[in-house]
């Protein structure tokens, strides 16, 4: 590869051009959210905040939570924004673990408004990742992150589902929503995905999974169901705030569990096996939580 030019990798001094961060300002455990306003909600749960910065739609906080150094960043909406954030984060971290905490529309009737969905992988209904991999390349969440997020949901006793997510390139027509002002090319998209047992629709995860995989990093996603596409309902008010809070708490607990395992020696397989053995020896789910509905 030829040397990178300034146009290839623009900087503002030592800072990455879009995220406005330099090496040392990000932790190696990072929660990603779409909404810049969600960063403060995440950071309010930490023990301390050491750094806060905003540039464009990207807001970042770094601090500590139960012994773990942690960061939270907003990506804005869409895989194009995720690509920019991921590319620049990789330049100033060593081996980051990235967990998306977001919102989505449920596609399966058994997923209620406010339920959480842990993604095992994503259908790539976007073209950002086509510039990195073959169109048939899978977008898969890292198994350690899937396990940690599901374990966090079980421990917290929240209703959750584990399944395949679809990532669209937009919110309205790209997700098959009906519109009064514009024609929609694929109005049956949500029904088609439902028949294929896809759990939910959102706009970021496939880029996160593909790029993290290519870089040898761990990534995963947990989303709250803000919309139910089978009956056309949408969360509002206090119910929406409560669902967002559950999702943040589960994402934070999940990434902290990964940090704990890494700190203890990194043997997630052994940790999963121990949990399975505990579960098999009892008729009750782990930690008294309700069992997950599996979509994949």
Protein backbone atom coordinates (compact mmCIF):
# COMPACT_ATOMS: atom_id res chain seq x y z
CA UNK A 1 0.00 0.00 0.00
CA UNK A 2 1.25 3.48 -0.82
CA UNK A 3 1.67 6.02 1.95
CA UNK A 4 -1.49 7.80 3.07
CA UNK A 5 -1.87 11.38 1.95
CA UNK A 6 -3.44 14.16 3.98
CA UNK A 7 -6.54 13.80 1.80
CA UNK A 8 -6.70 10.08 2.61
CA UNK A 9 -6.50 10.61 6.36
CA UNK A 10 -7.28 14.24 7.27
CA UNK A 11 -6.40 15.46 10.76
CA UNK A 12 -6.86 18.58 12.82
CA UNK A 13 -3.47 18.64 14.49
CA UNK A 14 -3.25 15.28 16.27
CA UNK A 15 -7.03 14.86 16.32
CA UNK A 16 -9.09 12.71 13.99
CA UNK A 17 -10.96 14.96 11.58
CA UNK A 18 -14.59 14.02 12.32
CA UNK A 19 -14.59 12.66 15.86
CA UNK A 20 -12.12 15.37 17.06
CA UNK A 21 -10.30 12.92 19.36
CA UNK A 22 -6.66 11.93 19.72
CA UNK A 23 -4.95 8.83 21.06
CA UNK A 24 -5.45 8.39 24.80
CA UNK A 25 -8.86 10.05 24.96
CA UNK A 26 -10.84 6.90 24.17
CA UNK A 27 -11.08 3.79 26.32
CA UNK A 28 -10.76 0.32 24.80
CA UNK A 29 -14.37 -0.48 25.80
CA UNK A 30 -16.78 1.73 23.86
CA UNK A 31 -20.55 2.02 23.82
CA UNK A 32 -21.92 3.44 20.56
CA UNK A 33 -25.25 5.26 20.44
CA UNK A 34 -26.93 7.02 17.55
CA UNK A 35 -28.41 10.00 19.38
CA UNK A 36 -25.86 12.51 20.76
CA UNK A 37 -28.26 13.18 23.64
CA UNK A 38 -28.00 9.57 24.75
CA UNK A 39 -24.31 9.95 25.62
CA UNK A 40 -25.11 12.00 28.73
CA UNK A 41 -27.69 9.41 29.80
CA UNK A 42 -25.06 6.69 29.58
CA UNK A 43 -22.35 8.71 31.32
CA UNK A 44 -24.71 9.62 34.18
CA UNK A 45 -24.49 5.99 35.30
CA UNK A 46 -20.70 6.03 35.60
CA UNK A 47 -18.63 6.63 38.70
CA UNK A 48 -16.65 9.46 37.08
CA UNK A 49 -16.35 11.32 33.77
CA UNK A 50 -12.87 12.44 32.74
CA UNK A 51 -13.52 13.86 29.27
CA UNK A 52 -16.43 15.17 27.20
CA UNK A 53 -16.24 16.49 23.65
CA UNK A 54 -18.63 17.18 20.77
CA UNK A 55 -17.93 17.72 17.09
CA UNK A 56 -20.64 17.67 14.44
CA UNK A 57 -23.12 14.93 15.44
CA UNK A 58 -20.42 13.01 17.32
CA UNK A 59 -20.47 13.46 21.10
CA UNK A 60 -17.98 11.53 23.22
CA UNK A 61 -17.54 10.92 26.93
CA UNK A 62 -14.83 8.89 28.65
CA UNK A 63 -14.83 7.91 32.29
CA UNK A 64 -14.85 5.01 34.73
CA UNK A 65 -17.51 2.51 35.75
CA UNK A 66 -16.96 -0.11 38.45
CA UNK A 67 -13.21 -0.20 37.83
CA UNK A 68 -13.43 -0.17 34.03
CA UNK A 69 -12.32 2.73 31.86
CA UNK A 70 -15.12 3.26 29.36
CA UNK A 71 -16.15 5.58 26.55
CA UNK A 72 -19.50 6.35 24.94
CA UNK A 73 -19.78 7.91 21.48
CA UNK A 74 -22.67 8.99 19.32
CA UNK A 75 -22.42 8.02 15.65
CA UNK A 76 -25.46 9.81 14.33
CA UNK A 77 -27.85 7.84 12.13
CA UNK A 78 -26.87 5.43 9.37
CA UNK A 79 -24.08 3.15 8.23
CA UNK A 80 -22.26 5.99 6.46
CA UNK A 81 -21.77 7.73 9.81
CA UNK A 82 -20.79 4.46 11.51
CA UNK A 83 -18.12 3.92 8.85
CA UNK A 84 -16.55 7.30 9.57
CA UNK A 85 -16.59 6.80 13.33
CA UNK A 86 -15.21 3.26 13.12
CA UNK A 87 -12.39 4.24 10.77
CA UNK A 88 -11.25 7.05 13.04
CA UNK A 89 -11.70 5.13 16.30
CA UNK A 90 -9.45 2.37 14.96
CA UNK A 91 -6.69 4.93 14.35
CA UNK A 92 -6.46 5.93 18.02
CA UNK A 93 -7.25 2.68 19.88
CA UNK A 94 -5.47 -0.67 20.04
CA UNK A 95 -8.14 -3.40 20.18
CA UNK A 96 -11.43 -1.76 21.04
CA UNK A 97 -14.57 -3.67 22.02
CA UNK A 98 -17.63 -1.87 20.60
CA UNK A 99 -21.25 -2.32 21.67
CA UNK A 100 -24.09 -0.45 20.00
CA UNK A 101 -26.98 0.58 22.26
CA UNK A 102 -29.84 1.70 20.07
CA UNK A 103 -33.46 1.63 19.01
CA UNK A 104 -35.20 -0.39 16.33
CA UNK A 105 -38.50 -1.52 14.88
CA UNK A 106 -39.65 -5.02 15.81
CA UNK A 107 -40.67 -7.26 12.92
CA UNK A 108 -41.86 -10.38 14.75
CA UNK A 109 -45.25 -10.31 16.52
CA UNK A 110 -43.87 -11.93 19.67
CA UNK A 111 -41.56 -8.93 20.28
CA UNK A 112 -43.50 -6.37 22.32
CA UNK A 113 -42.89 -2.64 22.35
CA UNK A 114 -40.10 -1.94 24.83
CA UNK A 115 -38.53 -5.41 24.59
CA UNK A 116 -34.79 -5.65 23.99
CA UNK A 117 -33.21 -7.43 21.02
CA UNK A 118 -29.64 -8.76 21.02
CA UNK A 119 -28.37 -9.09 17.45
CA UNK A 120 -26.55 -12.21 16.29
CA UNK A 121 -25.96 -10.72 12.85
CA UNK A 122 -27.41 -8.28 10.35
CA UNK A 123 -28.93 -8.41 6.88
CA UNK A 124 -26.99 -5.84 4.84
CA UNK A 125 -29.71 -3.69 3.27
CA UNK A 126 -27.20 -0.87 2.74
CA UNK A 127 -24.28 -0.30 0.40
CA UNK A 128 -21.67 1.28 2.68
CA UNK A 129 -20.12 -2.10 3.42
CA UNK A 130 -20.08 -3.03 -0.29
CA UNK A 131 -17.01 -0.80 -0.56
CA UNK A 132 -15.20 -3.16 1.84
CA UNK A 133 -16.52 -6.67 1.16
CA UNK A 134 -18.35 -8.82 -1.41
CA UNK A 135 -22.16 -8.33 -1.48
CA UNK A 136 -22.64 -11.83 -0.06
CA UNK A 137 -20.30 -11.26 2.90
CA UNK A 138 -22.08 -11.82 6.24
CA UNK A 139 -22.37 -9.21 8.98
CA UNK A 140 -21.95 -11.15 12.23
CA UNK A 141 -21.80 -9.95 15.81
CA UNK A 142 -18.92 -11.34 17.87
CA UNK A 143 -20.03 -14.36 19.90
CA UNK A 144 -18.45 -13.00 23.11
CA UNK A 145 -20.52 -9.83 22.85
CA UNK A 146 -23.73 -11.71 22.08
CA UNK A 147 -23.15 -13.87 25.13
CA UNK A 148 -22.35 -10.90 27.38
CA UNK A 149 -25.41 -8.92 26.30
CA UNK A 150 -27.73 -11.90 26.70
CA UNK A 151 -26.21 -12.63 30.11
CA UNK A 152 -26.76 -9.01 31.15
CA UNK A 153 -30.41 -9.17 30.10
CA UNK A 154 -30.92 -12.38 32.05
CA UNK A 155 -29.21 -11.00 35.14
CA UNK A 156 -31.34 -7.87 35.03
CA UNK A 157 -34.55 -9.81 34.43
CA UNK A 158 -35.55 -7.83 31.35
CA UNK A 159 -37.61 -9.30 28.53
CA UNK A 160 -35.31 -9.83 25.58
CA UNK A 161 -34.94 -11.68 22.31
CA UNK A 162 -31.88 -12.92 20.43
CA UNK A 163 -31.99 -12.87 16.66
CA UNK A 164 -31.05 -11.49 13.28
CA UNK A 165 -31.30 -7.75 12.64
CA UNK A 166 -31.75 -6.01 9.29
CA UNK A 167 -29.80 -2.80 8.69
CA UNK A 168 -31.37 -0.39 6.21
CA UNK A 169 -29.79 2.65 4.57
CA UNK A 170 -32.57 5.01 5.73
CA UNK A 171 -35.68 5.31 7.87
CA UNK A 172 -38.66 5.72 5.54
CA UNK A 173 -38.65 4.01 2.12
CA UNK A 174 -35.50 1.95 2.89
CA UNK A 175 -37.48 0.28 5.69
CA UNK A 176 -40.67 -0.08 3.64
CA UNK A 177 -42.63 2.59 5.48
CA UNK A 178 -45.68 4.02 3.73
CA UNK A 179 -45.39 7.70 2.79
CA UNK A 180 -47.92 10.33 1.73
CA UNK A 181 -45.46 12.44 -0.24
CA UNK A 182 -43.16 10.01 -2.06
CA UNK A 183 -43.44 6.64 -3.82
CA UNK A 184 -41.99 3.64 -1.96
CA UNK A 185 -40.32 1.07 -4.17
CA UNK A 186 -40.45 -1.88 -1.73
CA UNK A 187 -43.59 -1.43 0.43
CA UNK A 188 -43.62 -5.13 1.38
CA UNK A 189 -40.07 -5.11 2.77
CA UNK A 190 -41.04 -5.51 6.43
CA UNK A 191 -43.38 -8.42 5.59
CA UNK A 192 -40.66 -10.14 3.55
CA UNK A 193 -38.14 -9.82 6.37
CA UNK A 194 -40.72 -11.09 8.85
CA UNK A 195 -41.25 -14.23 6.76
CA UNK A 196 -37.50 -14.76 6.93
CA UNK A 197 -37.65 -14.54 10.75
CA UNK A 198 -35.63 -11.33 10.95
CA UNK A 199 -36.24 -9.87 14.39
CA UNK A 200 -35.87 -6.12 13.89
CA UNK A 201 -34.92 -3.26 11.58
CA UNK A 202 -32.45 -0.45 12.27
CA UNK A 203 -29.76 1.57 10.47
CA UNK A 204 -26.28 0.90 11.88
CA UNK A 205 -25.36 -2.63 12.93
CA UNK A 206 -24.23 -4.23 9.68
CA UNK A 207 -21.48 -1.64 9.22
CA UNK A 208 -20.39 -2.07 12.83
CA UNK A 209 -20.20 -5.86 12.49
CA UNK A 210 -18.43 -5.95 9.11
CA UNK A 211 -15.82 -3.32 9.89
CA UNK A 212 -15.11 -4.70 13.36
CA UNK A 213 -14.68 -8.18 11.90
CA UNK A 214 -12.28 -6.95 9.22
CA UNK A 215 -10.20 -5.23 11.90
CA UNK A 216 -10.25 -8.26 14.22
CA UNK A 217 -12.33 -6.46 16.84
CA UNK A 218 -15.32 -7.53 18.93
CA UNK A 219 -18.66 -5.85 18.34
CA UNK A 220 -22.32 -6.35 19.07
CA UNK A 221 -25.68 -4.62 19.29
CA UNK A 222 -28.56 -4.41 21.71
CA UNK A 223 -31.65 -2.41 20.73
CA UNK A 224 -34.96 -1.55 22.29
CA UNK A 225 -38.10 -2.03 20.21
CA UNK A 226 -39.50 1.47 19.77
CA UNK A 227 -41.80 0.42 16.91
CA UNK A 228 -43.81 -2.74 16.23
CA UNK A 229 -44.14 -3.05 12.48
CA UNK A 230 -46.75 -5.84 12.59
CA UNK A 231 -49.42 -3.59 14.11
CA UNK A 232 -48.01 -0.14 13.38
CA UNK A 233 -47.60 0.97 17.00
CA UNK A 234 -44.81 3.19 18.34
CA UNK A 235 -43.51 3.90 21.85
CA UNK A 236 -43.97 7.38 23.28
CA UNK A 237 -43.40 9.29 26.48
CA UNK A 238 -42.47 7.52 29.70
CA UNK A 239 -42.66 4.06 28.12
CA UNK A 240 -40.08 5.06 25.52
CA UNK A 241 -37.79 6.54 28.18
CA UNK A 242 -38.06 3.36 30.26
CA UNK A 243 -37.19 1.14 27.29
CA UNK A 244 -34.19 3.31 26.49
CA UNK A 245 -33.05 3.08 30.12
CA UNK A 246 -33.32 -0.73 30.11
CA UNK A 247 -31.28 -0.89 26.92
CA UNK A 248 -28.57 1.38 28.31
CA UNK A 249 -28.38 -0.60 31.55
CA UNK A 250 -28.11 -3.92 29.68
CA UNK A 251 -25.48 -2.58 27.29
CA UNK A 252 -23.43 -1.15 30.13
CA UNK A 253 -23.68 -4.39 32.12
CA UNK A 254 -22.75 -6.42 29.06
CA UNK A 255 -19.61 -4.49 28.21
CA UNK A 256 -18.62 -4.49 31.89
CA UNK A 257 -18.97 -8.30 31.93
CA UNK A 258 -16.63 -8.52 28.93
CA UNK A 259 -14.13 -6.33 30.76
CA UNK A 260 -14.38 -8.54 33.85
CA UNK A 261 -13.72 -11.69 31.82
CA UNK A 262 -10.84 -10.04 29.98
CA UNK A 263 -9.35 -8.87 33.28
CA UNK A 264 -9.65 -12.39 34.72
CA UNK A 265 -7.81 -13.91 31.76
CA UNK A 266 -10.16 -13.65 28.83
CA UNK A 267 -11.67 -17.16 28.85
CA UNK A 268 -15.24 -16.40 27.79
CA UNK A 269 -15.78 -20.00 26.66
CA UNK A 270 -15.16 -21.27 30.18
CA UNK A 271 -17.38 -18.55 31.64
CA UNK A 272 -20.21 -19.45 29.24
CA UNK A 273 -19.80 -23.13 30.07
CA UNK A 274 -20.07 -22.41 33.79
CA UNK A 275 -23.27 -20.46 33.25
CA UNK A 276 -24.73 -23.24 31.11
CA UNK A 277 -23.85 -25.82 33.77
CA UNK A 278 -25.52 -23.69 36.44
CA UNK A 279 -28.63 -23.32 34.31
CA UNK A 280 -28.82 -27.04 33.53
CA UNK A 281 -28.76 -27.87 37.22
CA UNK A 282 -31.84 -25.80 37.97
CA UNK A 283 -35.36 -25.56 36.61
CA UNK A 284 -35.16 -21.77 36.97
CA UNK A 285 -33.48 -19.39 34.49
CA UNK A 286 -30.22 -17.77 35.57
CA UNK A 287 -30.63 -14.93 38.09
CA UNK A 288 -34.38 -15.35 38.06
CA UNK A 289 -34.70 -13.66 34.67
CA UNK A 290 -37.30 -14.68 32.13
CA UNK A 291 -35.91 -16.87 29.32
CA UNK A 292 -35.04 -15.27 26.00
CA UNK A 293 -37.05 -15.90 22.86
CA UNK A 294 -34.62 -17.13 20.22
CA UNK A 295 -35.06 -15.97 16.65
CA UNK A 296 -31.87 -17.45 15.27
